[in-house]
Amino acid sequence: MRKSLSSFQKWMSAITFAEAGEWETAQQMIPASILNRKISPLEQSFMAAAFAEAGLYEDAIKMADGLSYQAPKSSDFLQSLGLGGVRVTYGVLAVGSA
């Protein structure tokens, strides 16, 4: 086996160990580039939700600490997806009128 794993392989290994509950091993496998990266509030909220769904409520609360939820405007939502310049049209159709 190669001595140095690619960043992707390290990341996948860390996820596998974390899912198995081996937190210390998972932390050792995380690539350094990930550890130094700032996590966006959107990523932080998804992480908190994932921990809550797994029944790790204390960890979910720690992840969600400091997050404040505000319903995004349509332009903010599209901007966060990288679709800031795309036109969007919304419509409503009543089911009974069709």
N, C-alpha and C. Protein backbone atom coordinates (compact mmCIF):
# COMPACT_ATOMS: atom_id res chain seq x y z
N MET A 1 0.84 -1.18 0.00
CA MET A 1 0.00 0.00 0.00
C MET A 1 0.88 1.24 0.00
N ARG A 2 0.47 2.25 -0.75
CA ARG A 2 1.26 3.48 -0.80
C ARG A 2 1.33 4.13 0.57
N LYS A 3 2.47 4.79 0.83
CA LYS A 3 2.62 5.46 2.12
C LYS A 3 1.72 6.68 2.22
N SER A 4 1.61 7.43 1.15
CA SER A 4 0.81 8.65 1.23
C SER A 4 -0.49 8.45 0.47
N LEU A 5 -1.58 8.61 1.18
CA LEU A 5 -2.89 8.51 0.56
C LEU A 5 -3.27 9.87 0.00
N SER A 6 -4.07 9.89 -1.04
CA SER A 6 -4.55 11.15 -1.58
C SER A 6 -5.50 11.79 -0.57
N SER A 7 -5.73 13.07 -0.75
CA SER A 7 -6.63 13.80 0.14
C SER A 7 -8.02 13.18 0.13
N PHE A 8 -8.49 12.78 -1.03
CA PHE A 8 -9.81 12.15 -1.13
C PHE A 8 -9.86 10.85 -0.35
N GLN A 9 -8.82 10.02 -0.49
CA GLN A 9 -8.79 8.75 0.22
C GLN A 9 -8.75 8.96 1.73
N LYS A 10 -7.98 9.96 2.17
CA LYS A 10 -7.91 10.26 3.60
C LYS A 10 -9.28 10.70 4.11
N TRP A 11 -9.94 11.54 3.32
CA TRP A 11 -11.25 12.04 3.71
C TRP A 11 -12.26 10.91 3.81
N MET A 12 -12.29 10.01 2.84
CA MET A 12 -13.21 8.89 2.86
C MET A 12 -12.90 7.94 4.02
N SER A 13 -11.62 7.74 4.31
CA SER A 13 -11.24 6.90 5.44
C SER A 13 -11.70 7.52 6.75
N ALA A 14 -11.53 8.83 6.87
CA ALA A 14 -11.96 9.53 8.09
C ALA A 14 -13.47 9.39 8.28
N ILE A 15 -14.23 9.52 7.20
CA ILE A 15 -15.68 9.38 7.28
C ILE A 15 -16.06 7.98 7.73
N THR A 16 -15.38 6.98 7.18
CA THR A 16 -15.68 5.59 7.53
C THR A 16 -15.43 5.34 9.01
N PHE A 17 -14.29 5.81 9.52
CA PHE A 17 -13.98 5.63 10.93
C PHE A 17 -14.96 6.40 11.82
N ALA A 18 -15.35 7.59 11.39
CA ALA A 18 -16.30 8.39 12.18
C ALA A 18 -17.66 7.69 12.25
N GLU A 19 -18.10 7.12 11.12
CA GLU A 19 -19.38 6.41 11.11
C GLU A 19 -19.35 5.18 12.00
N ALA A 20 -18.16 4.61 12.19
CA ALA A 20 -18.02 3.44 13.06
C ALA A 20 -17.83 3.84 14.52
N GLY A 21 -17.79 5.14 14.80
CA GLY A 21 -17.64 5.62 16.17
C GLY A 21 -16.20 5.71 16.63
N GLU A 22 -15.25 5.56 15.73
CA GLU A 22 -13.83 5.66 16.06
C GLU A 22 -13.36 7.09 15.85
N TRP A 23 -13.74 7.98 16.77
CA TRP A 23 -13.52 9.42 16.59
C TRP A 23 -12.05 9.80 16.54
N GLU A 24 -11.23 9.21 17.41
CA GLU A 24 -9.81 9.58 17.44
C GLU A 24 -9.11 9.19 16.14
N THR A 25 -9.39 7.99 15.65
CA THR A 25 -8.80 7.54 14.39
C THR A 25 -9.28 8.41 13.24
N ALA A 26 -10.57 8.76 13.26
CA ALA A 26 -11.12 9.61 12.20
C ALA A 26 -10.43 10.97 12.18
N GLN A 27 -10.20 11.54 13.34
CA GLN A 27 -9.54 12.85 13.40
C GLN A 27 -8.11 12.78 12.89
N GLN A 28 -7.44 11.66 13.09
CA GLN A 28 -6.07 11.50 12.60
C GLN A 28 -6.04 11.37 11.08
N MET A 29 -7.11 10.87 10.49
CA MET A 29 -7.15 10.64 9.05
C MET A 29 -7.55 11.88 8.25
N ILE A 30 -8.14 12.89 8.90
CA ILE A 30 -8.62 14.07 8.19
C ILE A 30 -7.44 14.79 7.53
N PRO A 31 -7.53 15.11 6.24
CA PRO A 31 -6.45 15.83 5.56
C PRO A 31 -6.24 17.21 6.19
N ALA A 32 -5.01 17.65 6.23
CA ALA A 32 -4.67 18.95 6.82
C ALA A 32 -5.38 20.09 6.11
N SER A 33 -5.60 19.97 4.81
CA SER A 33 -6.26 21.04 4.07
C SER A 33 -7.69 21.25 4.56
N ILE A 34 -8.32 20.22 5.04
CA ILE A 34 -9.69 20.33 5.55
C ILE A 34 -9.68 20.98 6.93
N LEU A 35 -8.71 20.64 7.75
CA LEU A 35 -8.66 21.18 9.11
C LEU A 35 -8.48 22.69 9.12
N ASN A 36 -7.79 23.24 8.14
CA ASN A 36 -7.51 24.66 8.09
C ASN A 36 -8.58 25.47 7.37
N ARG A 37 -9.59 24.80 6.84
CA ARG A 37 -10.63 25.46 6.05
C ARG A 37 -11.74 25.97 6.97
N LYS A 38 -12.24 27.17 6.67
CA LYS A 38 -13.35 27.73 7.43
C LYS A 38 -14.65 27.10 6.95
N ILE A 39 -15.49 26.72 7.90
CA ILE A 39 -16.77 26.09 7.59
C ILE A 39 -17.84 27.17 7.49
N SER A 40 -18.60 27.14 6.41
CA SER A 40 -19.67 28.14 6.22
C SER A 40 -20.83 27.82 7.16
N PRO A 41 -21.66 28.83 7.47
CA PRO A 41 -22.83 28.58 8.32
C PRO A 41 -23.77 27.52 7.72
N LEU A 42 -23.89 27.47 6.40
CA LEU A 42 -24.74 26.47 5.77
C LEU A 42 -24.18 25.06 6.02
N GLU A 43 -22.87 24.89 5.84
CA GLU A 43 -22.24 23.60 6.12
C GLU A 43 -22.39 23.23 7.59
N GLN A 44 -22.23 24.23 8.45
CA GLN A 44 -22.34 24.00 9.89
C GLN A 44 -23.75 23.52 10.26
N SER A 45 -24.78 24.10 9.64
CA SER A 45 -26.14 23.67 9.96
C SER A 45 -26.41 22.27 9.44
N PHE A 46 -25.88 21.92 8.26
CA PHE A 46 -26.04 20.55 7.75
C PHE A 46 -25.32 19.54 8.64
N MET A 47 -24.16 19.92 9.14
CA MET A 47 -23.43 19.04 10.04
C MET A 47 -24.21 18.83 11.33
N ALA A 48 -24.79 19.90 11.86
CA ALA A 48 -25.59 19.79 13.09
C ALA A 48 -26.79 18.87 12.85
N ALA A 49 -27.43 19.00 11.71
CA ALA A 49 -28.58 18.15 11.39
C ALA A 49 -28.15 16.69 11.28
N ALA A 50 -27.00 16.44 10.68
CA ALA A 50 -26.51 15.07 10.54
C ALA A 50 -26.23 14.44 11.91
N PHE A 51 -25.62 15.21 12.80
CA PHE A 51 -25.35 14.71 14.15
C PHE A 51 -26.67 14.43 14.89
N ALA A 52 -27.65 15.33 14.74
CA ALA A 52 -28.94 15.14 15.41
C ALA A 52 -29.65 13.90 14.88
N GLU A 53 -29.60 13.69 13.56
CA GLU A 53 -30.25 12.51 12.97
C GLU A 53 -29.59 11.21 13.44
N ALA A 54 -28.30 11.29 13.77
CA ALA A 54 -27.59 10.10 14.25
C ALA A 54 -27.79 9.89 15.75
N GLY A 55 -28.54 10.78 16.39
CA GLY A 55 -28.79 10.65 17.82
C GLY A 55 -27.71 11.24 18.69
N LEU A 56 -26.78 11.96 18.10
CA LEU A 56 -25.70 12.60 18.84
C LEU A 56 -26.09 14.05 19.14
N TYR A 57 -27.05 14.19 20.07
CA TYR A 57 -27.66 15.49 20.31
C TYR A 57 -26.70 16.52 20.91
N GLU A 58 -25.83 16.08 21.81
CA GLU A 58 -24.87 17.02 22.41
C GLU A 58 -23.93 17.58 21.34
N ASP A 59 -23.46 16.72 20.44
CA ASP A 59 -22.59 17.17 19.36
C ASP A 59 -23.34 18.08 18.40
N ALA A 60 -24.62 17.78 18.16
CA ALA A 60 -25.44 18.62 17.28
C ALA A 60 -25.60 20.01 17.87
N ILE A 61 -25.82 20.08 19.17
CA ILE A 61 -25.97 21.38 19.84
C ILE A 61 -24.67 22.16 19.76
N LYS A 62 -23.54 21.48 19.93
CA LYS A 62 -22.24 22.16 19.81
C LYS A 62 -22.05 22.70 18.40
N MET A 63 -22.43 21.90 17.39
CA MET A 63 -22.30 22.33 16.00
C MET A 63 -23.19 23.53 15.70
N ALA A 64 -24.39 23.53 16.26
CA ALA A 64 -25.36 24.58 15.97
C ALA A 64 -25.13 25.83 16.81
N ASP A 65 -24.24 25.76 17.78
CA ASP A 65 -23.99 26.91 18.66
C ASP A 65 -23.54 28.12 17.85
N GLY A 66 -24.22 29.22 18.03
CA GLY A 66 -23.85 30.45 17.33
C GLY A 66 -24.55 30.63 16.00
N LEU A 67 -25.27 29.63 15.54
CA LEU A 67 -26.01 29.77 14.28
C LEU A 67 -27.32 30.51 14.54
N SER A 68 -27.63 31.43 13.69
CA SER A 68 -28.93 32.08 13.78
C SER A 68 -29.62 31.88 12.44
N TYR A 69 -30.83 31.43 12.50
CA TYR A 69 -31.55 31.12 11.26
C TYR A 69 -32.37 32.31 10.81
N GLN A 70 -32.24 32.65 9.56
CA GLN A 70 -33.08 33.64 8.92
C GLN A 70 -33.49 33.05 7.58
N ALA A 71 -34.77 33.16 7.27
CA ALA A 71 -35.23 32.65 5.98
C ALA A 71 -34.54 33.45 4.88
N PRO A 72 -33.83 32.77 3.99
CA PRO A 72 -33.11 33.50 2.94
C PRO A 72 -34.06 34.07 1.91
N LYS A 73 -33.70 35.23 1.38
CA LYS A 73 -34.42 35.77 0.24
C LYS A 73 -34.06 34.92 -0.97
N SER A 74 -34.88 34.94 -1.97
CA SER A 74 -34.61 34.10 -3.14
C SER A 74 -33.26 34.44 -3.76
N SER A 75 -32.89 35.71 -3.78
CA SER A 75 -31.62 36.08 -4.38
C SER A 75 -30.44 35.55 -3.55
N ASP A 76 -30.56 35.56 -2.22
CA ASP A 76 -29.50 35.02 -1.36
C ASP A 76 -29.35 33.52 -1.56
N PHE A 77 -30.48 32.83 -1.65
CA PHE A 77 -30.45 31.38 -1.84
C PHE A 77 -29.77 31.02 -3.15
N LEU A 78 -30.16 31.69 -4.22
CA LEU A 78 -29.55 31.41 -5.52
C LEU A 78 -28.08 31.75 -5.53
N GLN A 79 -27.72 32.84 -4.86
CA GLN A 79 -26.31 33.24 -4.78
C GLN A 79 -25.50 32.16 -4.06
N SER A 80 -26.06 31.59 -2.99
CA SER A 80 -25.34 30.57 -2.24
C SER A 80 -25.12 29.30 -3.07
N LEU A 81 -25.98 29.07 -4.06
CA LEU A 81 -25.83 27.92 -4.95
C LEU A 81 -24.96 28.22 -6.16
N GLY A 82 -24.50 29.48 -6.27
CA GLY A 82 -23.70 29.86 -7.42
C GLY A 82 -24.56 30.22 -8.61
N LEU A 83 -25.83 30.52 -8.38
CA LEU A 83 -26.76 30.84 -9.45
C LEU A 83 -27.27 32.28 -9.32
N GLY A 84 -26.40 33.18 -8.87
CA GLY A 84 -26.81 34.56 -8.62
C GLY A 84 -27.35 35.29 -9.83
N GLY A 85 -26.88 35.01 -11.02
CA GLY A 85 -27.32 35.72 -12.21
C GLY A 85 -28.44 35.06 -12.97
N VAL A 86 -28.99 33.98 -12.43
CA VAL A 86 -30.02 33.24 -13.14
C VAL A 86 -31.41 33.79 -12.78
N ARG A 87 -32.24 34.01 -13.78
CA ARG A 87 -33.60 34.47 -13.55
C ARG A 87 -34.47 33.31 -13.09
N VAL A 88 -35.32 33.58 -12.13
CA VAL A 88 -36.23 32.56 -11.61
C VAL A 88 -37.63 33.14 -11.61
N THR A 89 -38.59 32.36 -12.06
CA THR A 89 -39.99 32.76 -12.06
C THR A 89 -40.77 31.78 -11.19
N TYR A 90 -41.55 32.35 -10.29
CA TYR A 90 -42.36 31.52 -9.40
C TYR A 90 -43.82 31.62 -9.84
N GLY A 91 -44.56 30.57 -9.67
CA GLY A 91 -45.97 30.57 -9.99
C GLY A 91 -46.72 29.67 -9.04
N VAL A 92 -48.03 29.86 -9.00
CA VAL A 92 -48.89 29.06 -8.15
C VAL A 92 -50.00 28.48 -9.01
N LEU A 93 -50.27 27.21 -8.83
CA LEU A 93 -51.33 26.55 -9.56
C LEU A 93 -52.22 25.87 -8.56
N ALA A 94 -53.48 26.21 -8.56
CA ALA A 94 -54.44 25.56 -7.68
C ALA A 94 -54.77 24.19 -8.24
N VAL A 95 -54.73 23.17 -7.40
CA VAL A 95 -54.95 21.80 -7.85
C VAL A 95 -56.36 21.62 -8.39
N GLY A 96 -57.33 22.22 -7.76
CA GLY A 96 -58.72 22.03 -8.16
C GLY A 96 -59.08 22.72 -9.47
N SER A 97 -58.28 23.67 -9.92
CA SER A 97 -58.64 24.42 -11.13
C SER A 97 -58.10 23.80 -12.41
N ALA A 98 -57.26 22.80 -12.31
CA ALA A 98 -56.65 22.23 -13.50
C ALA A 98 -57.54 21.33 -14.25
